[in-house]
């Protein structure tokens, strides 16, 4: 005869406890995933809301837009004036525009 090891609880009670613990585990995992999803949703909404609030708060007024456009126009006009002055200066100089060497025709011959 085979010796049967003694058991402290009967098989039906063991099976019932196993199934109830498995059910509790599934409920706990579902609860944790639900809480995690809600937490991530709240975090996403908070970050997105802060980004929208920050962008609307730092929006330029109409006066500031006009001032910025005026400064940009003045900058472009100053660069155009600078380059036109440089080219005018180069045209009046006696140096070649490519090599910066003196032009031979401008000096008296001996």
C-alpha atoms as a PDB file:
ATOM      1  CA  UNK A   1       0.000   0.000   0.000  1.00  0.00           C
ATOM      2  CA  UNK A   2       1.076   3.435  -0.790  1.00  0.00           C
ATOM      3  CA  UNK A   3       1.566   5.778   2.022  1.00  0.00           C
ATOM      4  CA  UNK A   4      -0.540   8.900   1.654  1.00  0.00           C
ATOM      5  CA  UNK A   5       0.975  12.062   3.048  1.00  0.00           C
ATOM      6  CA  UNK A   6      -1.203  13.719   5.638  1.00  0.00           C
ATOM      7  CA  UNK A   7      -2.940  16.928   4.551  1.00  0.00           C
ATOM      8  CA  UNK A   8      -3.975  19.690   6.878  1.00  0.00           C
ATOM      9  CA  UNK A   9      -6.979  20.803   4.801  1.00  0.00           C
ATOM     10  CA  UNK A  10      -9.265  18.850   2.569  1.00  0.00           C
ATOM     11  CA  UNK A  11      -8.921  19.199  -1.230  1.00  0.00           C
ATOM     12  CA  UNK A  12     -12.187  21.118  -1.761  1.00  0.00           C
ATOM     13  CA  UNK A  13     -11.222  23.773   0.786  1.00  0.00           C
ATOM     14  CA  UNK A  14      -7.777  24.058  -0.792  1.00  0.00           C
ATOM     15  CA  UNK A  15      -9.328  24.506  -4.237  1.00  0.00           C
ATOM     16  CA  UNK A  16     -11.804  27.103  -2.893  1.00  0.00           C
ATOM     17  CA  UNK A  17      -8.997  29.133  -1.252  1.00  0.00           C
ATOM     18  CA  UNK A  18      -6.884  28.948  -4.421  1.00  0.00           C
ATOM     19  CA  UNK A  19      -9.747  30.189  -6.602  1.00  0.00           C
ATOM     20  CA  UNK A  20     -10.692  32.980  -4.182  1.00  0.00           C
ATOM     21  CA  UNK A  21      -7.048  34.155  -3.996  1.00  0.00           C
ATOM     22  CA  UNK A  22      -6.826  34.074  -7.795  1.00  0.00           C
ATOM     23  CA  UNK A  23     -10.002  36.170  -8.026  1.00  0.00           C
ATOM     24  CA  UNK A  24      -8.634  38.643  -5.465  1.00  0.00           C
ATOM     25  CA  UNK A  25      -5.412  38.901  -7.490  1.00  0.00           C
ATOM     26  CA  UNK A  26      -7.314  39.662 -10.719  1.00  0.00           C
ATOM     27  CA  UNK A  27      -9.427  42.284  -8.947  1.00  0.00           C
ATOM     28  CA  UNK A  28      -6.306  43.888  -7.446  1.00  0.00           C
ATOM     29  CA  UNK A  29      -4.487  43.930 -10.821  1.00  0.00           C
ATOM     30  CA  UNK A  30      -7.536  45.493 -12.490  1.00  0.00           C
ATOM     31  CA  UNK A  31      -7.770  48.092  -9.722  1.00  0.00           C
ATOM     32  CA  UNK A  32      -4.061  48.968 -10.024  1.00  0.00           C
ATOM     33  CA  UNK A  33      -4.282  49.295 -13.810  1.00  0.00           C
ATOM     34  CA  UNK A  34      -7.390  51.479 -13.482  1.00  0.00           C
ATOM     35  CA  UNK A  35      -5.672  53.744 -10.940  1.00  0.00           C
ATOM     36  CA  UNK A  36      -2.536  53.914 -13.101  1.00  0.00           C
ATOM     37  CA  UNK A  37      -4.545  54.823 -16.211  1.00  0.00           C
ATOM     38  CA  UNK A  38      -6.492  57.529 -14.378  1.00  0.00           C
ATOM     39  CA  UNK A  39      -3.247  58.913 -12.915  1.00  0.00           C
ATOM     40  CA  UNK A  40      -1.581  59.066 -16.327  1.00  0.00           C
ATOM     41  CA  UNK A  41      -4.693  60.733 -17.790  1.00  0.00           C
ATOM     42  CA  UNK A  42      -4.666  63.383 -15.054  1.00  0.00           C
ATOM     43  CA  UNK A  43      -0.931  63.961 -15.579  1.00  0.00           C
ATOM     44  CA  UNK A  44      -1.410  64.287 -19.352  1.00  0.00           C
ATOM     45  CA  UNK A  45      -4.293  66.741 -18.931  1.00  0.00           C
ATOM     46  CA  UNK A  46      -2.258  68.778 -16.417  1.00  0.00           C
ATOM     47  CA  UNK A  47       0.792  69.003 -18.700  1.00  0.00           C
ATOM     48  CA  UNK A  48      -1.325  69.836 -21.739  1.00  0.00           C
ATOM     49  CA  UNK A  49      -3.326  72.420 -19.775  1.00  0.00           C
ATOM     50  CA  UNK A  50      -0.177  74.073 -18.431  1.00  0.00           C
ATOM     51  CA  UNK A  51       1.287  74.239 -21.936  1.00  0.00           C
ATOM     52  CA  UNK A  52      -1.851  75.919 -23.281  1.00  0.00           C
ATOM     53  CA  UNK A  53      -2.013  78.312 -20.324  1.00  0.00           C
ATOM     54  CA  UNK A  54       1.672  79.244 -20.692  1.00  0.00           C
ATOM     55  CA  UNK A  55       1.369  79.832 -24.441  1.00  0.00           C
ATOM     56  CA  UNK A  56      -1.729  82.003 -24.041  1.00  0.00           C
ATOM     57  CA  UNK A  57      -0.194  83.987 -21.181  1.00  0.00           C
ATOM     58  CA  UNK A  58       2.962  84.825 -23.174  1.00  0.00           C
ATOM     59  CA  UNK A  59       1.066  85.864 -26.285  1.00  0.00           C
ATOM     60  CA  UNK A  60       2.143  89.272 -27.637  1.00  0.00           C
ATOM     61  CA  UNK A  61      -0.342  92.129 -27.608  1.00  0.00           C
ATOM     62  CA  UNK A  62      -1.100  94.067 -30.785  1.00  0.00           C
ATOM     63  CA  UNK A  63       1.142  96.942 -29.676  1.00  0.00           C
ATOM     64  CA  UNK A  64       4.036  94.567 -28.941  1.00  0.00           C
ATOM     65  CA  UNK A  65       3.548  92.913 -32.347  1.00  0.00           C
ATOM     66  CA  UNK A  66       3.745  96.317 -34.051  1.00  0.00           C
ATOM     67  CA  UNK A  67       6.876  97.224 -32.084  1.00  0.00           C
ATOM     68  CA  UNK A  68       8.530  93.914 -32.982  1.00  0.00           C
ATOM     69  CA  UNK A  69       7.649  94.352 -36.662  1.00  0.00           C
ATOM     70  CA  UNK A  70       9.043  97.904 -36.592  1.00  0.00           C
ATOM     71  CA  UNK A  71      12.315  96.705 -34.992  1.00  0.00           C
ATOM     72  CA  UNK A  72      12.616  93.934 -37.585  1.00  0.00           C
ATOM     73  CA  UNK A  73      12.044  96.396 -40.417  1.00  0.00           C
ATOM     74  CA  UNK A  74      14.622  98.797 -38.995  1.00  0.00           C
ATOM     75  CA  UNK A  75      17.125  95.952 -38.708  1.00  0.00           C
ATOM     76  CA  UNK A  76      16.595  94.907 -42.333  1.00  0.00           C
ATOM     77  CA  UNK A  77      16.832  98.506 -43.546  1.00  0.00           C
ATOM     78  CA  UNK A  78      20.056  99.068 -41.594  1.00  0.00           C
ATOM     79  CA  UNK A  79      21.603  95.958 -43.174  1.00  0.00           C
ATOM     80  CA  UNK A  80      20.548  97.093 -46.648  1.00  0.00           C
ATOM     81  CA  UNK A  81      22.020 100.548 -46.001  1.00  0.00           C
ATOM     82  CA  UNK A  82      25.243  99.040 -44.660  1.00  0.00           C
ATOM     83  CA  UNK A  83      25.740  96.791 -47.693  1.00  0.00           C
ATOM     84  CA  UNK A  84      24.884  99.574 -50.134  1.00  0.00           C
ATOM     85  CA  UNK A  85      27.429 101.839 -48.393  1.00  0.00           C
ATOM     86  CA  UNK A  86      30.053  99.101 -48.596  1.00  0.00           C
ATOM     87  CA  UNK A  87      29.450  98.520 -52.307  1.00  0.00           C
ATOM     88  CA  UNK A  88      29.460 102.273 -52.987  1.00  0.00           C
ATOM     89  CA  UNK A  89      32.735 102.563 -51.069  1.00  0.00           C
ATOM     90  CA  UNK A  90      34.234  99.700 -53.074  1.00  0.00           C
ATOM     91  CA  UNK A  91      33.178 101.315 -56.347  1.00  0.00           C
ATOM     92  CA  UNK A  92      34.925 104.548 -55.416  1.00  0.00           C
ATOM     93  CA  UNK A  93      38.089 102.913 -54.172  1.00  0.00           C
ATOM     94  CA  UNK A  94      41.020 102.345 -56.464  1.00  0.00           C
ATOM     95  CA  UNK A  95      41.258  98.653 -55.635  1.00  0.00           C
ATOM     96  CA  UNK A  96      40.074  95.787 -57.753  1.00  0.00           C
ATOM     97  CA  UNK A  97      36.919  94.271 -56.319  1.00  0.00           C
ATOM     98  CA  UNK A  98      38.129  90.682 -56.739  1.00  0.00           C
ATOM     99  CA  UNK A  99      41.778  90.763 -55.667  1.00  0.00           C
ATOM    100  CA  UNK A 100      41.924  94.021 -53.713  1.00  0.00           C
ATOM    101  CA  UNK A 101      45.018  94.965 -55.718  1.00  0.00           C
ATOM    102  CA  UNK A 102      45.477  98.508 -57.064  1.00  0.00           C
ATOM    103  CA  UNK A 103      44.225  99.125 -60.583  1.00  0.00           C
ATOM    104  CA  UNK A 104      47.120  99.898 -62.932  1.00  0.00           C
ATOM    105  CA  UNK A 105      45.382 102.614 -64.943  1.00  0.00           C
ATOM    106  CA  UNK A 106      44.969 104.995 -61.982  1.00  0.00           C
ATOM    107  CA  UNK A 107      48.684 105.661 -61.392  1.00  0.00           C
ATOM    108  CA  UNK A 108      50.771 108.090 -63.449  1.00  0.00           C
ATOM    109  CA  UNK A 109      53.342 106.584 -65.789  1.00  0.00           C
ATOM    110  CA  UNK A 110      56.981 107.686 -65.643  1.00  0.00           C
END
